[in-house]
Amino acid sequence: MLWTLAAVVTLGFLVALEFAARHHGSPGPITLQAREVVFAPKSGGLLYAAMALTMVVLTWRQRFVAVGAAIGVDVAFALVRWAVDADTAGGHPFGNGALWVILGVAVVAVTRRTGRERVLLLKGAGLGLLLMAGRKTGDTWLLITSKTRPEVLDPYVATADHALGNPSWWVGRIVTATGSVGFNFLDFVYGNLAVAAVVAALYQLRHVAAERRFPRHHLVRTFLVIGLVGPAFYMIFPVVGPIFAYGTGMEHWSAVSLWAPDMPPSAPWAAADLWPQTLPPVGTPHPMPFDGITPRNCMPSLHTAWATAIFVHTRKGPRLLRHAGTFWLVATLCATLGFGYHYGADLIAGVVFTLTIEAALRSFDRGWDRAGVRLVAHGTVVFTAFLVSYRWLPVQMAEHPWVSGPLLVLATASVVYGYARTTALWSGRTAPARHPEPQPEPI
């Protein structure tokens, strides 16, 4: 019943986004996903990552058959497109086969399986489809934010960011100094965050085929909830980021032009050309009109949120996976700041946002107790306090950075410490002190 309810809610949400996107003259997530059954997909690698998630419910023999079928379908589609000289601009030459395999697993589950086996196969297909739906939903959300929020609050966040030392400006200078090498390296990490998440999730779900059941909590659930809840705050707190609000949007042009020489420069809508050479002045912030194209997707930083989730879920893995989770978190933080996509204030909000969601999901699974309620409430209060202070106290924060900056860091650290302490208590690593048993008196 829970899975059925989740499916109905998800379908209703996708239909609502489809209508909203159509209202603004663009296809919605359902149309975008349906097109990739036949047309060249825009996310070929992610489709194969989604297929890998689906295959956790299959036996090894079935996995080999599924991979072979996906490759065969892709080869057939490529030959047909070549024969008819089909336009594949903006798409990948592969990926359709992976989507066909995911849909095939769902069809087999409905027509050839019954009972728990049917449910397991449908869950596997659902995971793969939800990963892709999350990507398409995110694209639609970004479109809606750019069309429905004509003003952005970047001056408020940029002013409050003085309390943290304006990290985007400093890291932006470092990335710019590294040229194409540093840019392309960080761009690879930034663009393949979903693939890294799938690798971590595959480790967590490695026993599903043998045990014929999913673990109670895994990374994919956290990813999906972050993607579902996070964009709602884009509507409440629209922010475009320093590279757009305080730059031309093409500060990395020298690096980008190495692999996209025909990319035209974008029209500047910035308040001033300051990023990353000149720190923004401290003044009286006000909402700033902006274009109808750039997504308002900064507060909180969901790339930071997802990278934090990967880091958290790799802590119990082997050493290589733990190191990979740490690397992806650090590299993602450097990319979000160095590319000018986020302010430092966005990043700490993203960390608190993720740990609060993770705590809520774990509490829901194991049953709500006092420690879980306290942790979720604490994270919610801190996250709300961040948004309120960025909006209503940015000037005071900028004028007293040696007070407000440490307070922001300490508030974030308190959530991190509370999460680590509470989860350690849940996992049994923190046990109450044992009192020695009374010894019988000698006779």
Protein backbone atom coordinates (compact mmCIF):
# COMPACT_ATOMS: atom_id res chain seq x y z
CA MET A 1 0.00 0.00 0.00
CA LEU A 2 2.88 2.39 0.80
CA TRP A 3 4.52 1.78 -2.56
CA THR A 4 1.18 2.21 -4.33
CA LEU A 5 0.54 5.49 -2.52
CA ALA A 6 4.06 6.71 -3.38
CA ALA A 7 3.51 5.78 -7.05
CA VAL A 8 0.18 7.64 -7.19
CA VAL A 9 1.63 10.76 -5.53
CA THR A 10 4.66 10.71 -7.83
CA LEU A 11 2.51 10.31 -10.94
CA GLY A 12 0.25 13.14 -9.85
CA PHE A 13 3.26 15.37 -9.20
CA LEU A 14 4.70 14.60 -12.65
CA VAL A 15 1.35 15.33 -14.33
CA ALA A 16 1.12 18.66 -12.50
CA LEU A 17 4.64 19.60 -13.63
CA GLU A 18 3.76 18.54 -17.18
CA PHE A 19 0.83 20.95 -17.24
CA ALA A 20 2.93 23.71 -15.66
CA ALA A 21 5.68 23.29 -18.25
CA ARG A 22 3.14 23.23 -21.09
CA HIS A 23 1.68 26.47 -19.74
CA HIS A 24 5.11 28.07 -20.23
CA GLY A 25 5.52 26.67 -23.72
CA SER A 26 7.89 23.78 -23.01
CA PRO A 27 7.48 19.99 -22.75
CA GLY A 28 7.26 18.57 -19.24
CA PRO A 29 9.05 15.64 -17.59
CA ILE A 30 6.66 12.98 -18.92
CA THR A 31 7.06 14.15 -22.51
CA LEU A 32 10.83 14.49 -22.20
CA GLN A 33 11.15 10.97 -20.83
CA ALA A 34 8.74 9.46 -23.38
CA ARG A 35 10.69 10.99 -26.26
CA GLU A 36 13.81 9.08 -25.23
CA VAL A 37 12.11 5.78 -26.01
CA VAL A 38 12.69 6.55 -29.72
CA PHE A 39 14.59 9.81 -30.18
CA ALA A 40 18.25 10.42 -29.33
CA PRO A 41 18.37 10.78 -25.53
CA LYS A 42 19.89 13.82 -23.85
CA SER A 43 21.24 11.74 -20.98
CA GLY A 44 22.64 8.50 -22.37
CA GLY A 45 25.07 7.80 -19.54
CA LEU A 46 22.44 8.42 -16.90
CA LEU A 47 20.06 6.03 -18.66
CA TYR A 48 22.63 3.26 -18.34
CA ALA A 49 23.19 4.21 -14.70
CA ALA A 50 19.43 3.90 -14.18
CA MET A 51 19.50 0.50 -15.86
CA ALA A 52 22.28 -0.56 -13.49
CA LEU A 53 20.01 0.32 -10.56
CA THR A 54 17.21 -1.75 -12.07
CA MET A 55 19.53 -4.73 -12.54
CA VAL A 56 20.15 -5.08 -8.79
CA VAL A 57 16.95 -7.20 -8.70
CA LEU A 58 18.14 -9.53 -11.49
CA THR A 59 20.31 -12.63 -11.36
CA TRP A 60 23.73 -12.56 -13.02
CA ARG A 61 22.44 -14.42 -16.05
CA GLN A 62 19.57 -11.97 -16.42
CA ARG A 63 22.00 -9.06 -16.08
CA PHE A 64 24.13 -10.30 -18.97
CA VAL A 65 21.00 -10.71 -21.07
CA ALA A 66 19.83 -7.19 -20.13
CA VAL A 67 23.17 -5.57 -21.01
CA GLY A 68 23.30 -7.43 -24.31
CA ALA A 69 19.76 -6.40 -25.15
CA ALA A 70 20.48 -2.74 -24.32
CA ILE A 71 23.59 -2.68 -26.52
CA GLY A 72 21.72 -4.45 -29.31
CA VAL A 73 18.86 -1.94 -29.24
CA ASP A 74 21.32 0.98 -29.26
CA VAL A 75 23.20 -0.44 -32.24
CA ALA A 76 19.92 -0.94 -34.11
CA PHE A 77 18.80 2.62 -33.37
CA ALA A 78 22.19 4.00 -34.43
CA LEU A 79 22.03 2.14 -37.76
CA VAL A 80 18.49 3.37 -38.45
CA ARG A 81 19.43 6.98 -37.63
CA TRP A 82 22.47 6.70 -39.89
CA ALA A 83 20.40 5.20 -42.70
CA VAL A 84 17.72 7.90 -42.61
CA ASP A 85 20.21 10.67 -41.69
CA ALA A 86 18.20 11.58 -38.60
CA ASP A 87 19.06 14.74 -36.70
CA THR A 88 20.64 13.82 -33.35
CA ALA A 89 21.78 17.32 -32.38
CA GLY A 90 21.71 17.78 -28.64
CA GLY A 91 21.35 14.04 -27.98
CA HIS A 92 23.55 11.04 -27.31
CA PRO A 93 24.05 8.18 -29.77
CA PHE A 94 23.25 5.64 -27.06
CA GLY A 95 20.84 5.24 -24.14
CA ASN A 96 17.58 4.14 -25.76
CA GLY A 97 18.48 0.49 -25.18
CA ALA A 98 18.87 1.04 -21.44
CA LEU A 99 15.43 2.63 -21.23
CA TRP A 100 13.93 -0.25 -23.24
CA VAL A 101 15.45 -2.75 -20.79
CA ILE A 102 14.00 -0.90 -17.78
CA LEU A 103 10.57 -0.85 -19.39
CA GLY A 104 11.00 -4.50 -20.34
CA VAL A 105 11.63 -5.47 -16.72
CA ALA A 106 8.39 -3.72 -15.74
CA VAL A 107 6.46 -5.51 -18.50
CA VAL A 108 7.87 -8.91 -17.49
CA ALA A 109 6.96 -8.21 -13.86
CA VAL A 110 3.35 -7.47 -14.75
CA THR A 111 2.82 -10.23 -17.32
CA ARG A 112 5.09 -13.10 -16.22
CA ARG A 113 5.58 -12.81 -12.46
CA THR A 114 3.35 -12.88 -9.39
CA GLY A 115 3.56 -12.20 -5.68
CA ARG A 116 6.81 -11.00 -4.09
CA GLU A 117 8.80 -11.60 -7.29
CA ARG A 118 6.53 -9.20 -9.20
CA VAL A 119 6.85 -6.57 -6.48
CA LEU A 120 10.64 -6.89 -6.43
CA LEU A 121 10.95 -6.47 -10.21
CA LEU A 122 8.57 -3.50 -10.18
CA LYS A 123 10.62 -1.87 -7.42
CA GLY A 124 13.77 -2.33 -9.50
CA ALA A 125 12.18 -0.83 -12.60
CA GLY A 126 10.72 1.93 -10.46
CA LEU A 127 14.14 2.87 -9.11
CA GLY A 128 15.56 3.24 -12.59
CA LEU A 129 12.60 5.23 -13.87
CA LEU A 130 12.56 7.45 -10.76
CA LEU A 131 16.21 8.33 -11.25
CA MET A 132 15.46 9.52 -14.78
CA ALA A 133 12.19 11.16 -13.72
CA GLY A 134 14.11 13.04 -11.04
CA ARG A 135 16.45 14.43 -13.69
CA LYS A 136 13.60 15.48 -15.98
CA THR A 137 11.63 16.87 -13.05
CA GLY A 138 14.61 18.96 -12.01
CA ASP A 139 14.89 20.44 -15.50
CA THR A 140 11.20 21.35 -15.45
CA TRP A 141 11.47 22.89 -11.98
CA LEU A 142 14.36 25.08 -13.17
CA LEU A 143 12.27 26.27 -16.11
CA ILE A 144 9.37 27.14 -13.81
CA THR A 145 11.60 29.11 -11.44
CA SER A 146 12.99 31.22 -14.28
CA LYS A 147 9.50 31.96 -15.62
CA THR A 148 7.66 32.63 -12.37
CA ARG A 149 10.29 34.50 -10.32
CA PRO A 150 11.20 37.68 -12.25
CA GLU A 151 13.24 39.02 -9.31
CA VAL A 152 16.13 37.33 -7.51
CA LEU A 153 17.55 37.77 -4.01
CA ASP A 154 21.24 37.55 -4.88
CA PRO A 155 22.10 40.94 -3.30
CA TYR A 156 20.89 39.61 0.06
CA VAL A 157 22.91 36.38 -0.12
CA ALA A 158 26.00 38.14 -1.49
CA THR A 159 25.88 40.61 1.38
CA ALA A 160 25.38 37.87 3.98
CA ASP A 161 28.23 35.92 2.37
CA HIS A 162 30.67 38.55 3.61
CA ALA A 163 30.31 36.85 6.99
CA LEU A 164 31.92 33.72 5.49
CA GLY A 165 34.65 35.64 3.67
CA ASN A 166 33.08 35.52 0.18
CA PRO A 167 34.41 32.03 -0.62
CA SER A 168 33.00 31.97 -4.16
CA TRP A 169 35.19 34.92 -5.13
CA TRP A 170 38.37 33.36 -3.73
CA VAL A 171 37.80 29.86 -5.10
CA GLY A 172 36.68 31.37 -8.41
CA ARG A 173 40.05 33.08 -8.78
CA ILE A 174 41.85 29.81 -8.08
CA VAL A 175 39.81 27.87 -10.65
CA THR A 176 40.28 30.64 -13.21
CA ALA A 177 44.04 30.54 -12.62
CA THR A 178 44.15 26.79 -13.33
CA GLY A 179 42.74 27.38 -16.83
CA SER A 180 41.21 24.62 -18.90
CA VAL A 181 42.80 21.81 -16.85
CA GLY A 182 41.17 22.76 -13.57
CA PHE A 183 37.91 23.74 -15.21
CA ASN A 184 37.46 20.53 -17.18
CA PHE A 185 38.44 18.35 -14.22
CA LEU A 186 35.92 19.99 -11.89
CA ASP A 187 33.32 20.09 -14.66
CA PHE A 188 33.63 16.30 -15.04
CA VAL A 189 33.10 15.81 -11.31
CA TYR A 190 30.23 18.29 -11.21
CA GLY A 191 28.47 16.81 -14.22
CA ASN A 192 28.78 13.17 -13.12
CA LEU A 193 27.40 13.51 -9.62
CA ALA A 194 24.45 11.23 -10.45
CA VAL A 195 26.81 8.54 -11.77
CA ALA A 196 28.83 8.69 -8.54
CA ALA A 197 25.59 8.32 -6.59
CA VAL A 198 24.66 5.23 -8.62
CA VAL A 199 28.04 3.64 -7.86
CA ALA A 200 27.50 4.18 -4.14
CA ALA A 201 23.90 2.94 -4.38
CA LEU A 202 24.97 -0.20 -6.24
CA TYR A 203 27.26 -1.08 -3.35
CA GLN A 204 24.42 -0.62 -0.89
CA LEU A 205 22.03 -2.69 -3.03
CA ARG A 206 24.50 -5.44 -3.95
CA HIS A 207 22.63 -8.11 -1.94
CA VAL A 208 19.13 -7.37 -3.26
CA ALA A 209 19.18 -10.13 -5.90
CA ALA A 210 20.29 -12.76 -3.39
CA GLU A 211 18.06 -11.70 -0.49
CA ARG A 212 15.10 -10.80 -2.78
CA ARG A 213 14.41 -7.64 -0.81
CA PHE A 214 15.65 -4.06 -0.61
CA PRO A 215 17.45 -2.68 2.46
CA ARG A 216 15.39 -0.50 4.73
CA HIS A 217 17.29 2.68 3.85
CA HIS A 218 19.61 3.48 0.93
CA LEU A 219 21.07 6.41 -0.96
CA VAL A 220 18.52 6.50 -3.79
CA ARG A 221 15.72 7.35 -1.35
CA THR A 222 17.66 10.30 0.04
CA PHE A 223 18.52 11.50 -3.47
CA LEU A 224 14.90 11.43 -4.57
CA VAL A 225 13.59 13.23 -1.48
CA ILE A 226 16.25 15.93 -1.84
CA GLY A 227 15.28 16.40 -5.47
CA LEU A 228 11.59 16.52 -4.60
CA VAL A 229 11.72 18.90 -1.61
CA GLY A 230 14.71 21.08 -2.50
CA PRO A 231 13.32 22.90 -5.56
CA ALA A 232 10.40 24.15 -3.49
CA PHE A 233 12.84 26.50 -1.75
CA TYR A 234 13.91 27.88 -5.13
CA MET A 235 10.43 29.35 -5.35
CA ILE A 236 10.68 30.80 -1.84
CA PHE A 237 14.26 32.08 -2.09
CA PRO A 238 15.13 32.63 -5.80
CA VAL A 239 18.88 33.08 -6.35
CA VAL A 240 20.87 32.68 -9.59
CA GLY A 241 24.44 32.65 -8.29
CA PRO A 242 27.43 35.02 -8.41
CA ILE A 243 28.58 34.19 -11.96
CA PHE A 244 25.24 35.42 -13.30
CA ALA A 245 24.29 38.10 -10.78
CA TYR A 246 27.79 39.63 -10.51
CA GLY A 247 29.45 38.48 -13.72
CA THR A 248 28.83 38.05 -17.42
CA GLY A 249 28.13 34.31 -17.13
CA MET A 250 31.15 33.62 -19.36
CA GLU A 251 34.08 34.11 -16.99
CA HIS A 252 35.34 30.63 -17.84
CA TRP A 253 35.09 31.36 -21.57
CA SER A 254 38.79 30.61 -22.21
CA ALA A 255 38.34 27.12 -20.73
CA VAL A 256 34.95 26.44 -22.28
CA SER A 257 36.05 27.55 -25.74
CA LEU A 258 38.56 24.71 -25.90
CA TRP A 259 35.74 22.19 -26.29
CA ALA A 260 32.83 24.40 -27.38
CA PRO A 261 34.35 27.07 -29.67
CA ASP A 262 31.00 27.93 -31.28
CA MET A 263 29.21 28.68 -28.02
CA PRO A 264 27.83 32.24 -28.25
CA PRO A 265 28.27 34.56 -25.28
CA SER A 266 25.15 35.17 -23.21
CA ALA A 267 23.50 38.55 -22.75
CA PRO A 268 24.62 40.12 -19.45
CA TRP A 269 21.94 40.69 -16.86
CA ALA A 270 24.36 41.17 -13.98
CA ALA A 271 24.14 44.00 -11.49
CA ALA A 272 27.86 44.61 -12.12
CA ASP A 273 30.84 42.74 -13.58
CA LEU A 274 32.52 41.89 -10.26
CA TRP A 275 32.93 38.12 -10.08
CA PRO A 276 35.53 36.85 -9.30
CA GLN A 277 37.97 39.79 -9.47
CA THR A 278 36.24 42.31 -7.18
CA LEU A 279 34.32 41.61 -3.99
CA PRO A 280 30.73 42.91 -4.00
CA PRO A 281 30.23 46.05 -1.92
CA VAL A 282 28.24 46.08 1.28
CA GLY A 283 25.15 48.17 0.76
CA THR A 284 21.42 48.01 1.23
CA PRO A 285 20.29 44.88 -0.63
CA HIS A 286 17.09 44.78 -2.63
CA PRO A 287 15.38 42.29 -4.98
CA MET A 288 17.00 42.44 -8.41
CA PRO A 289 15.14 41.93 -11.72
CA PHE A 290 16.65 39.16 -13.83
CA ASP A 291 16.08 37.39 -17.14
CA GLY A 292 13.46 34.72 -17.82
CA ILE A 293 15.99 32.02 -18.72
CA THR A 294 18.48 31.54 -15.88
CA PRO A 295 17.28 29.06 -13.23
CA ARG A 296 16.88 30.35 -9.67
CA ASN A 297 18.48 27.21 -8.24
CA CYS A 298 21.00 28.28 -5.61
CA MET A 299 19.32 28.25 -2.19
CA PRO A 300 20.04 25.66 -0.95
CA SER A 301 22.81 24.13 -3.06
CA LEU A 302 21.38 20.76 -4.09
CA HIS A 303 24.69 19.69 -5.65
CA THR A 304 26.19 20.14 -2.20
CA ALA A 305 23.21 18.35 -0.68
CA TRP A 306 23.59 15.35 -3.00
CA ALA A 307 27.37 15.22 -2.56
CA THR A 308 26.85 15.29 1.21
CA ALA A 309 24.39 12.40 0.90
CA ILE A 310 26.99 10.39 -1.07
CA PHE A 311 29.57 11.14 1.61
CA VAL A 312 27.24 10.02 4.40
CA HIS A 313 26.21 6.80 2.67
CA THR A 314 29.78 5.76 1.84
CA ARG A 315 31.01 5.92 5.45
CA LYS A 316 30.29 2.21 6.03
CA GLY A 317 31.74 1.04 2.73
CA PRO A 318 35.23 -0.22 1.94
CA ARG A 319 38.17 2.16 2.07
CA LEU A 320 38.14 2.92 -1.65
CA LEU A 321 34.45 3.84 -1.55
CA ARG A 322 34.95 6.02 1.54
CA HIS A 323 37.80 7.88 -0.15
CA ALA A 324 35.70 8.29 -3.31
CA GLY A 325 32.81 9.74 -1.29
CA THR A 326 35.14 12.22 0.41
CA PHE A 327 36.76 13.19 -2.89
CA TRP A 328 33.41 13.77 -4.59
CA LEU A 329 32.20 15.97 -1.74
CA VAL A 330 35.34 18.13 -1.69
CA ALA A 331 35.54 18.38 -5.49
CA THR A 332 31.84 19.27 -5.73
CA LEU A 333 32.25 22.04 -3.14
CA CYS A 334 35.22 23.42 -5.10
CA ALA A 335 33.26 23.26 -8.36
CA THR A 336 30.10 24.93 -7.04
CA LEU A 337 32.14 27.80 -5.63
CA GLY A 338 34.81 27.97 -8.31
CA PHE A 339 32.34 28.06 -11.18
CA GLY A 340 30.39 30.83 -9.47
CA TYR A 341 27.24 28.75 -9.30
CA HIS A 342 26.77 29.19 -5.55
CA TYR A 343 27.62 31.38 -2.59
CA GLY A 344 29.16 29.97 0.58
CA ALA A 345 25.84 30.58 2.32
CA ASP A 346 24.17 28.17 -0.13
CA LEU A 347 26.64 25.41 0.69
CA ILE A 348 26.19 25.36 4.45
CA ALA A 349 22.41 25.50 3.94
CA GLY A 350 22.71 22.48 1.64
CA VAL A 351 24.64 20.49 4.25
CA VAL A 352 22.07 21.19 6.96
CA PHE A 353 19.24 20.46 4.53
CA THR A 354 20.64 17.03 3.65
CA LEU A 355 21.39 15.92 7.19
CA THR A 356 17.89 16.94 8.28
CA ILE A 357 16.28 14.91 5.49
CA GLU A 358 18.58 11.96 6.17
CA ALA A 359 17.68 12.06 9.86
CA ALA A 360 13.96 12.19 9.05
CA LEU A 361 14.19 9.19 6.70
CA ARG A 362 16.16 7.13 9.20
CA SER A 363 13.75 8.05 11.99
CA PHE A 364 10.79 7.07 9.83
CA ASP A 365 12.38 3.67 9.14
CA ARG A 366 13.34 2.79 12.69
CA GLY A 367 10.45 4.47 14.46
CA TRP A 368 10.43 7.99 15.81
CA ASP A 369 12.17 8.36 19.16
CA ARG A 370 13.24 11.34 21.20
CA ALA A 371 16.71 11.49 19.65
CA GLY A 372 15.30 11.42 16.11
CA VAL A 373 12.68 14.08 16.77
CA ARG A 374 15.25 16.30 18.47
CA LEU A 375 17.71 15.95 15.56
CA VAL A 376 15.12 16.70 12.87
CA ALA A 377 13.76 19.65 14.83
CA HIS A 378 17.27 21.02 15.38
CA GLY A 379 18.14 20.76 11.70
CA THR A 380 14.86 22.38 10.69
CA VAL A 381 15.39 25.29 13.10
CA VAL A 382 18.96 25.88 11.87
CA PHE A 383 17.96 25.74 8.20
CA THR A 384 15.07 28.15 8.82
CA ALA A 385 17.35 30.46 10.78
CA PHE A 386 19.78 30.52 7.83
CA LEU A 387 17.08 31.58 5.37
CA VAL A 388 15.64 34.19 7.74
CA SER A 389 19.05 35.69 8.53
CA TYR A 390 20.07 35.80 4.85
CA ARG A 391 16.86 37.64 4.01
CA TRP A 392 16.44 39.98 6.96
CA LEU A 393 19.88 40.38 8.57
CA PRO A 394 22.42 40.40 5.71
CA VAL A 395 23.77 43.89 6.40
CA GLN A 396 24.30 43.18 10.08
CA MET A 397 26.03 39.91 9.17
CA ALA A 398 28.34 41.68 6.72
CA GLU A 399 29.19 44.45 9.19
CA HIS A 400 30.08 41.99 11.96
CA PRO A 401 31.72 39.06 10.12
CA TRP A 402 33.83 37.94 13.10
CA VAL A 403 30.61 37.31 15.02
CA SER A 404 28.15 36.16 12.37
CA GLY A 405 30.64 34.00 10.44
CA PRO A 406 31.60 31.76 13.37
CA LEU A 407 27.94 31.55 14.38
CA LEU A 408 27.02 30.22 10.91
CA VAL A 409 29.84 27.69 11.04
CA LEU A 410 28.99 26.63 14.59
CA ALA A 411 25.32 26.21 13.71
CA THR A 412 26.29 23.96 10.80
CA ALA A 413 28.74 22.05 12.96
CA SER A 414 26.07 21.51 15.61
CA VAL A 415 23.86 19.74 13.05
CA VAL A 416 26.78 17.66 11.79
CA TYR A 417 27.75 16.68 15.33
CA GLY A 418 24.15 15.95 16.29
CA TYR A 419 23.70 13.73 13.25
CA ALA A 420 26.93 11.82 13.86
CA ARG A 421 26.17 11.34 17.56
CA THR A 422 22.56 10.28 17.01
CA THR A 423 23.32 7.82 14.21
CA ALA A 424 26.13 6.34 16.28
CA LEU A 425 23.63 5.85 19.08
CA TRP A 426 21.21 4.18 16.69
CA SER A 427 23.84 1.84 15.30
CA GLY A 428 24.85 0.70 18.78
CA ARG A 429 28.30 2.21 18.83
CA THR A 430 27.31 4.43 21.71
CA ALA A 431 26.19 2.28 24.57
CA PRO A 432 25.23 3.31 28.10
CA ALA A 433 27.84 2.84 30.77
CA ARG A 434 27.79 -0.63 32.23
CA HIS A 435 27.62 -0.87 36.00
CA PRO A 436 29.43 -3.76 37.67
CA GLU A 437 27.11 -6.49 38.89
CA PRO A 438 26.96 -6.86 42.70
CA GLN A 439 29.21 -9.64 43.92
CA PRO A 440 27.97 -12.07 46.57
CA GLU A 441 29.43 -11.51 50.00
CA PRO A 442 31.98 -14.08 51.07
CA ILE A 443 30.73 -16.70 53.50
